[in-house]
Amino acid sequence: MPSGKVRWFDAKKGYGFITSDDNRDVFLPISALPAGVTTLRKGAKIEFSVADGRKGPQALDVRLVGPKPSVVKATRPAPDDMAAIVEDLIKLLDSAGNGLRRHHYPSPSESRKLAAMLRGVADDFDVQD
């Protein structure tokens, strides 16, 4: 069974590519992933079967080798970028706090945006190893 590493994979697009151990590019459709797996991180080690597709080799029956990859850890921002995000979030929270001190909640649309940003930043910090 051939093996290789995930070169890239985009769950939204539903496909990606593998670089096999013999340096061939292999198309990786989302349908080839194991049950319960919806995405793969770059560099994940995998084993797979190969079939000839319309545009070249295509992976089938992918099997993860080693520990399950952390998608959150693979996609989290660089520390310098995260510092800028946190600083911007602090400014937004200060503005919301000032409004609350004047007995005014942010508008519903502002509240939704702030809540979504808080969840996003929290997800970037919450890495499950």
N, C-alpha and C. Protein backbone atom coordinates (compact mmCIF):
# COMPACT_ATOMS: atom_id res chain seq x y z
N MET A 1 0.85 -1.17 0.00
CA MET A 1 0.00 0.00 0.00
C MET A 1 0.89 1.24 0.00
N PRO A 2 0.70 2.16 -0.96
CA PRO A 2 1.53 3.37 -1.01
C PRO A 2 1.30 4.25 0.22
N SER A 3 2.29 5.06 0.51
CA SER A 3 2.16 6.00 1.61
C SER A 3 2.71 7.34 1.17
N GLY A 4 2.44 8.36 1.98
CA GLY A 4 2.91 9.70 1.66
C GLY A 4 2.43 10.69 2.70
N LYS A 5 2.53 11.97 2.34
CA LYS A 5 2.11 13.04 3.24
C LYS A 5 1.13 13.95 2.50
N VAL A 6 0.22 14.52 3.27
CA VAL A 6 -0.74 15.45 2.71
C VAL A 6 0.01 16.73 2.33
N ARG A 7 -0.07 17.09 1.06
CA ARG A 7 0.56 18.35 0.61
C ARG A 7 -0.33 19.51 1.00
N TRP A 8 -1.63 19.39 0.72
CA TRP A 8 -2.63 20.34 1.20
C TRP A 8 -4.00 19.70 1.07
N PHE A 9 -4.93 20.17 1.89
CA PHE A 9 -6.30 19.66 1.83
C PHE A 9 -7.25 20.77 2.26
N ASP A 10 -8.29 20.99 1.47
CA ASP A 10 -9.29 22.03 1.76
C ASP A 10 -10.64 21.35 1.89
N ALA A 11 -11.16 21.28 3.12
CA ALA A 11 -12.44 20.61 3.36
C ALA A 11 -13.58 21.32 2.65
N LYS A 12 -13.51 22.65 2.53
CA LYS A 12 -14.58 23.39 1.85
C LYS A 12 -14.64 23.03 0.37
N LYS A 13 -13.48 22.86 -0.26
CA LYS A 13 -13.44 22.48 -1.67
C LYS A 13 -13.72 20.98 -1.84
N GLY A 14 -13.40 20.21 -0.82
CA GLY A 14 -13.66 18.78 -0.87
C GLY A 14 -12.55 17.96 -1.49
N TYR A 15 -11.35 18.53 -1.55
CA TYR A 15 -10.23 17.77 -2.10
C TYR A 15 -8.90 18.38 -1.70
N GLY A 16 -7.84 17.68 -2.03
CA GLY A 16 -6.49 18.15 -1.78
C GLY A 16 -5.52 17.29 -2.57
N PHE A 17 -4.25 17.32 -2.18
CA PHE A 17 -3.24 16.52 -2.87
C PHE A 17 -2.29 15.90 -1.86
N ILE A 18 -1.79 14.74 -2.25
CA ILE A 18 -0.81 13.99 -1.47
C ILE A 18 0.49 14.00 -2.25
N THR A 19 1.61 14.07 -1.54
CA THR A 19 2.90 13.80 -2.16
C THR A 19 3.30 12.41 -1.69
N SER A 20 3.30 11.47 -2.62
CA SER A 20 3.61 10.09 -2.24
C SER A 20 5.09 9.96 -1.93
N ASP A 21 5.46 8.84 -1.30
CA ASP A 21 6.86 8.62 -0.94
C ASP A 21 7.78 8.57 -2.15
N ASP A 22 7.21 8.27 -3.34
CA ASP A 22 8.02 8.28 -4.57
C ASP A 22 7.88 9.62 -5.32
N ASN A 23 7.47 10.68 -4.60
CA ASN A 23 7.37 12.05 -5.09
C ASN A 23 6.37 12.28 -6.22
N ARG A 24 5.31 11.44 -6.25
CA ARG A 24 4.24 11.67 -7.22
C ARG A 24 3.13 12.46 -6.54
N ASP A 25 2.48 13.34 -7.30
CA ASP A 25 1.30 14.03 -6.79
C ASP A 25 0.09 13.15 -7.02
N VAL A 26 -0.70 12.99 -5.96
CA VAL A 26 -1.89 12.14 -6.02
C VAL A 26 -3.09 12.97 -5.56
N PHE A 27 -4.13 13.00 -6.38
CA PHE A 27 -5.36 13.71 -6.04
C PHE A 27 -6.04 13.03 -4.86
N LEU A 28 -6.53 13.83 -3.90
CA LEU A 28 -7.15 13.30 -2.70
C LEU A 28 -8.57 13.86 -2.54
N PRO A 29 -9.60 13.11 -2.97
CA PRO A 29 -10.97 13.58 -2.78
C PRO A 29 -11.42 13.33 -1.35
N ILE A 30 -12.35 14.14 -0.87
CA ILE A 30 -12.84 14.00 0.50
C ILE A 30 -13.51 12.63 0.70
N SER A 31 -14.03 12.04 -0.36
CA SER A 31 -14.70 10.74 -0.26
C SER A 31 -13.73 9.61 0.09
N ALA A 32 -12.42 9.85 -0.07
CA ALA A 32 -11.43 8.82 0.23
C ALA A 32 -11.02 8.80 1.71
N LEU A 33 -11.45 9.82 2.46
CA LEU A 33 -11.07 9.88 3.88
C LEU A 33 -11.80 8.83 4.69
N PRO A 34 -11.21 8.38 5.79
CA PRO A 34 -11.87 7.40 6.66
C PRO A 34 -13.16 7.97 7.25
N ALA A 35 -14.05 7.09 7.65
CA ALA A 35 -15.32 7.51 8.25
C ALA A 35 -15.04 8.38 9.48
N GLY A 36 -15.74 9.49 9.60
CA GLY A 36 -15.58 10.38 10.73
C GLY A 36 -14.50 11.44 10.57
N VAL A 37 -13.68 11.32 9.54
CA VAL A 37 -12.62 12.30 9.29
C VAL A 37 -13.11 13.24 8.19
N THR A 38 -13.09 14.54 8.47
CA THR A 38 -13.60 15.50 7.49
C THR A 38 -12.52 16.38 6.89
N THR A 39 -11.33 16.37 7.49
CA THR A 39 -10.24 17.18 6.96
C THR A 39 -8.91 16.57 7.41
N LEU A 40 -7.84 16.99 6.75
CA LEU A 40 -6.49 16.55 7.10
C LEU A 40 -5.58 17.76 7.14
N ARG A 41 -4.61 17.74 8.02
CA ARG A 41 -3.67 18.84 8.08
C ARG A 41 -2.50 18.57 7.12
N LYS A 42 -1.87 19.65 6.71
CA LYS A 42 -0.70 19.56 5.85
C LYS A 42 0.38 18.75 6.57
N GLY A 43 1.00 17.82 5.87
CA GLY A 43 2.08 17.01 6.43
C GLY A 43 1.63 15.75 7.14
N ALA A 44 0.32 15.51 7.23
CA ALA A 44 -0.17 14.30 7.90
C ALA A 44 0.31 13.07 7.12
N LYS A 45 0.79 12.06 7.83
CA LYS A 45 1.25 10.83 7.19
C LYS A 45 0.05 9.92 6.96
N ILE A 46 -0.05 9.39 5.74
CA ILE A 46 -1.18 8.54 5.40
C ILE A 46 -0.73 7.39 4.51
N GLU A 47 -1.54 6.35 4.49
CA GLU A 47 -1.42 5.24 3.53
C GLU A 47 -2.69 5.25 2.71
N PHE A 48 -2.61 4.82 1.46
CA PHE A 48 -3.76 4.91 0.57
C PHE A 48 -3.61 3.94 -0.59
N SER A 49 -4.73 3.65 -1.22
CA SER A 49 -4.74 2.90 -2.47
C SER A 49 -4.78 3.92 -3.59
N VAL A 50 -4.35 3.52 -4.78
CA VAL A 50 -4.32 4.45 -5.91
C VAL A 50 -5.09 3.86 -7.08
N ALA A 51 -5.86 4.73 -7.74
CA ALA A 51 -6.55 4.36 -8.98
C ALA A 51 -6.24 5.44 -10.00
N ASP A 52 -6.29 5.07 -11.27
CA ASP A 52 -6.09 6.05 -12.33
C ASP A 52 -7.38 6.82 -12.53
N GLY A 53 -7.34 8.12 -12.30
CA GLY A 53 -8.50 8.98 -12.49
C GLY A 53 -8.43 9.65 -13.86
N ARG A 54 -9.39 10.50 -14.13
CA ARG A 54 -9.43 11.19 -15.42
C ARG A 54 -8.21 12.09 -15.62
N LYS A 55 -7.70 12.66 -14.55
CA LYS A 55 -6.59 13.61 -14.67
C LYS A 55 -5.31 13.11 -14.02
N GLY A 56 -5.24 11.81 -13.72
CA GLY A 56 -4.04 11.27 -13.10
C GLY A 56 -4.37 10.40 -11.92
N PRO A 57 -3.35 10.05 -11.13
CA PRO A 57 -3.57 9.17 -9.99
C PRO A 57 -4.48 9.81 -8.94
N GLN A 58 -5.35 8.96 -8.37
CA GLN A 58 -6.31 9.41 -7.37
C GLN A 58 -6.27 8.47 -6.18
N ALA A 59 -6.27 9.03 -4.97
CA ALA A 59 -6.21 8.22 -3.75
C ALA A 59 -7.58 7.62 -3.44
N LEU A 60 -7.55 6.40 -2.92
CA LEU A 60 -8.74 5.71 -2.43
C LEU A 60 -8.41 5.13 -1.07
N ASP A 61 -9.40 4.89 -0.26
CA ASP A 61 -9.23 4.21 1.03
C ASP A 61 -8.04 4.72 1.84
N VAL A 62 -8.07 5.98 2.18
CA VAL A 62 -7.00 6.61 2.96
C VAL A 62 -7.03 6.10 4.38
N ARG A 63 -5.84 5.86 4.94
CA ARG A 63 -5.70 5.43 6.33
C ARG A 63 -4.64 6.31 6.97
N LEU A 64 -5.01 6.91 8.14
CA LEU A 64 -4.07 7.76 8.86
C LEU A 64 -3.01 6.90 9.54
N VAL A 65 -1.77 7.36 9.49
CA VAL A 65 -0.67 6.66 10.13
C VAL A 65 -0.20 7.52 11.30
N GLY A 66 -0.13 6.95 12.49
CA GLY A 66 0.30 7.69 13.66
C GLY A 66 -0.86 8.39 14.34
N PRO A 67 -0.55 9.35 15.20
CA PRO A 67 -1.61 10.02 15.95
C PRO A 67 -2.51 10.84 15.03
N LYS A 68 -3.75 11.02 15.45
CA LYS A 68 -4.67 11.83 14.67
C LYS A 68 -4.19 13.28 14.68
N PRO A 69 -4.21 13.93 13.52
CA PRO A 69 -3.70 15.30 13.44
C PRO A 69 -4.65 16.30 14.10
N SER A 70 -4.09 17.36 14.63
CA SER A 70 -4.88 18.44 15.21
C SER A 70 -5.10 19.50 14.14
N VAL A 71 -6.33 19.63 13.68
CA VAL A 71 -6.65 20.63 12.66
C VAL A 71 -6.49 22.03 13.23
N VAL A 72 -6.91 22.23 14.47
CA VAL A 72 -6.81 23.55 15.09
C VAL A 72 -5.35 23.98 15.18
N LYS A 73 -4.50 23.09 15.64
CA LYS A 73 -3.09 23.42 15.80
C LYS A 73 -2.45 23.73 14.45
N ALA A 74 -2.85 23.03 13.40
CA ALA A 74 -2.27 23.24 12.09
C ALA A 74 -2.73 24.54 11.44
N THR A 75 -3.88 25.05 11.83
CA THR A 75 -4.43 26.24 11.18
C THR A 75 -4.39 27.48 12.05
N ARG A 76 -3.83 27.39 13.25
CA ARG A 76 -3.83 28.56 14.13
C ARG A 76 -2.85 29.61 13.61
N PRO A 77 -3.13 30.90 13.87
CA PRO A 77 -2.26 31.97 13.39
C PRO A 77 -0.89 31.94 14.05
N ALA A 78 0.05 32.59 13.38
CA ALA A 78 1.39 32.74 13.94
C ALA A 78 1.30 33.61 15.20
N PRO A 79 2.22 33.44 16.16
CA PRO A 79 2.15 34.22 17.40
C PRO A 79 2.09 35.74 17.18
N ASP A 80 2.87 36.27 16.22
CA ASP A 80 2.84 37.70 15.96
C ASP A 80 1.46 38.14 15.46
N ASP A 81 0.86 37.33 14.59
CA ASP A 81 -0.48 37.64 14.09
C ASP A 81 -1.50 37.55 15.21
N MET A 82 -1.35 36.55 16.07
CA MET A 82 -2.28 36.37 17.18
C MET A 82 -2.19 37.55 18.15
N ALA A 83 -0.98 38.08 18.36
CA ALA A 83 -0.82 39.24 19.24
C ALA A 83 -1.60 40.44 18.71
N ALA A 84 -1.54 40.66 17.40
CA ALA A 84 -2.29 41.78 16.80
C ALA A 84 -3.79 41.55 16.93
N ILE A 85 -4.23 40.32 16.75
CA ILE A 85 -5.66 39.99 16.88
C ILE A 85 -6.13 40.25 18.30
N VAL A 86 -5.34 39.82 19.28
CA VAL A 86 -5.71 40.02 20.69
C VAL A 86 -5.76 41.51 21.03
N GLU A 87 -4.79 42.28 20.53
CA GLU A 87 -4.79 43.72 20.80
C GLU A 87 -6.02 44.40 20.20
N ASP A 88 -6.40 44.01 18.98
CA ASP A 88 -7.61 44.56 18.37
C ASP A 88 -8.86 44.17 19.16
N LEU A 89 -8.88 42.94 19.63
CA LEU A 89 -10.02 42.46 20.41
C LEU A 89 -10.14 43.23 21.74
N ILE A 90 -9.00 43.54 22.35
CA ILE A 90 -9.00 44.32 23.59
C ILE A 90 -9.62 45.70 23.35
N LYS A 91 -9.26 46.32 22.22
CA LYS A 91 -9.84 47.63 21.89
C LYS A 91 -11.36 47.53 21.74
N LEU A 92 -11.84 46.49 21.06
CA LEU A 92 -13.28 46.30 20.89
C LEU A 92 -13.98 46.07 22.23
N LEU A 93 -13.35 45.26 23.09
CA LEU A 93 -13.93 45.00 24.41
C LEU A 93 -13.93 46.26 25.27
N ASP A 94 -12.88 47.08 25.17
CA ASP A 94 -12.86 48.35 25.90
C ASP A 94 -14.01 49.24 25.47
N SER A 95 -14.24 49.30 24.15
CA SER A 95 -15.34 50.12 23.63
C SER A 95 -16.69 49.61 24.14
N ALA A 96 -16.87 48.29 24.13
CA ALA A 96 -18.12 47.71 24.63
C ALA A 96 -18.25 47.98 26.13
N GLY A 97 -17.16 47.88 26.87
CA GLY A 97 -17.18 48.15 28.31
C GLY A 97 -17.55 49.58 28.62
N ASN A 98 -17.03 50.52 27.82
CA ASN A 98 -17.38 51.93 28.02
C ASN A 98 -18.87 52.16 27.79
N GLY A 99 -19.42 51.53 26.79
CA GLY A 99 -20.86 51.65 26.54
C GLY A 99 -21.67 51.06 27.67
N LEU A 100 -21.25 49.93 28.19
CA LEU A 100 -21.95 49.30 29.31
C LEU A 100 -21.91 50.16 30.56
N ARG A 101 -20.79 50.86 30.78
CA ARG A 101 -20.70 51.77 31.92
C ARG A 101 -21.71 52.91 31.81
N ARG A 102 -22.07 53.24 30.57
CA ARG A 102 -23.09 54.27 30.33
C ARG A 102 -24.48 53.65 30.21
N HIS A 103 -24.60 52.38 30.64
CA HIS A 103 -25.88 51.65 30.66
C HIS A 103 -26.45 51.38 29.27
N HIS A 104 -25.55 51.16 28.29
CA HIS A 104 -25.98 50.85 26.93
C HIS A 104 -25.28 49.59 26.43
N TYR A 105 -26.08 48.60 26.10
CA TYR A 105 -25.53 47.41 25.46
C TYR A 105 -25.21 47.74 24.01
N PRO A 106 -24.24 47.04 23.40
CA PRO A 106 -24.00 47.22 21.98
C PRO A 106 -25.24 46.80 21.19
N SER A 107 -25.36 47.29 19.97
CA SER A 107 -26.49 46.91 19.13
C SER A 107 -26.45 45.40 18.88
N PRO A 108 -27.57 44.80 18.49
CA PRO A 108 -27.57 43.35 18.24
C PRO A 108 -26.53 42.91 17.21
N SER A 109 -26.35 43.68 16.14
CA SER A 109 -25.36 43.29 15.13
C SER A 109 -23.94 43.39 15.69
N GLU A 110 -23.67 44.45 16.47
CA GLU A 110 -22.34 44.58 17.09
C GLU A 110 -22.11 43.46 18.10
N SER A 111 -23.14 43.10 18.86
CA SER A 111 -23.03 42.02 19.84
C SER A 111 -22.71 40.70 19.17
N ARG A 112 -23.39 40.41 18.05
CA ARG A 112 -23.12 39.16 17.33
C ARG A 112 -21.70 39.12 16.80
N LYS A 113 -21.24 40.25 16.24
CA LYS A 113 -19.87 40.31 15.72
C LYS A 113 -18.85 40.09 16.83
N LEU A 114 -19.05 40.76 17.96
CA LEU A 114 -18.13 40.63 19.09
C LEU A 114 -18.12 39.20 19.63
N ALA A 115 -19.30 38.60 19.74
CA ALA A 115 -19.38 37.21 20.22
C ALA A 115 -18.68 36.26 19.26
N ALA A 116 -18.86 36.46 17.96
CA ALA A 116 -18.20 35.60 16.97
C ALA A 116 -16.69 35.75 17.05
N MET A 117 -16.22 36.99 17.23
CA MET A 117 -14.78 37.20 17.34
C MET A 117 -14.21 36.55 18.59
N LEU A 118 -14.94 36.66 19.71
CA LEU A 118 -14.48 36.02 20.95
C LEU A 118 -14.39 34.52 20.79
N ARG A 119 -15.40 33.92 20.14
CA ARG A 119 -15.37 32.47 19.90
C ARG A 119 -14.19 32.08 19.02
N GLY A 120 -13.95 32.87 17.97
CA GLY A 120 -12.84 32.58 17.05
C GLY A 120 -11.49 32.63 17.74
N VAL A 121 -11.28 33.66 18.54
CA VAL A 121 -10.01 33.79 19.27
C VAL A 121 -9.87 32.65 20.28
N ALA A 122 -10.97 32.33 20.95
CA ALA A 122 -10.94 31.23 21.92
C ALA A 122 -10.57 29.92 21.23
N ASP A 123 -11.12 29.68 20.04
CA ASP A 123 -10.81 28.46 19.30
C ASP A 123 -9.33 28.40 18.92
N ASP A 124 -8.72 29.56 18.59
CA ASP A 124 -7.29 29.58 18.25
C ASP A 124 -6.43 29.27 19.47
N PHE A 125 -6.88 29.63 20.66
CA PHE A 125 -6.13 29.33 21.87
C PHE A 125 -6.34 27.91 22.37
N ASP A 126 -7.49 27.33 22.09
CA ASP A 126 -7.87 26.02 22.62
C ASP A 126 -7.37 24.90 21.72
N VAL A 127 -6.13 24.47 21.91
CA VAL A 127 -5.55 23.39 21.12
C VAL A 127 -5.61 22.10 21.91
N GLN A 128 -6.24 21.09 21.35
CA GLN A 128 -6.31 19.78 21.99
C GLN A 128 -5.16 18.93 21.51
N ASP A 129 -4.28 18.52 22.40
CA ASP A 129 -3.14 17.66 22.02
C ASP A 129 -3.45 16.22 22.25
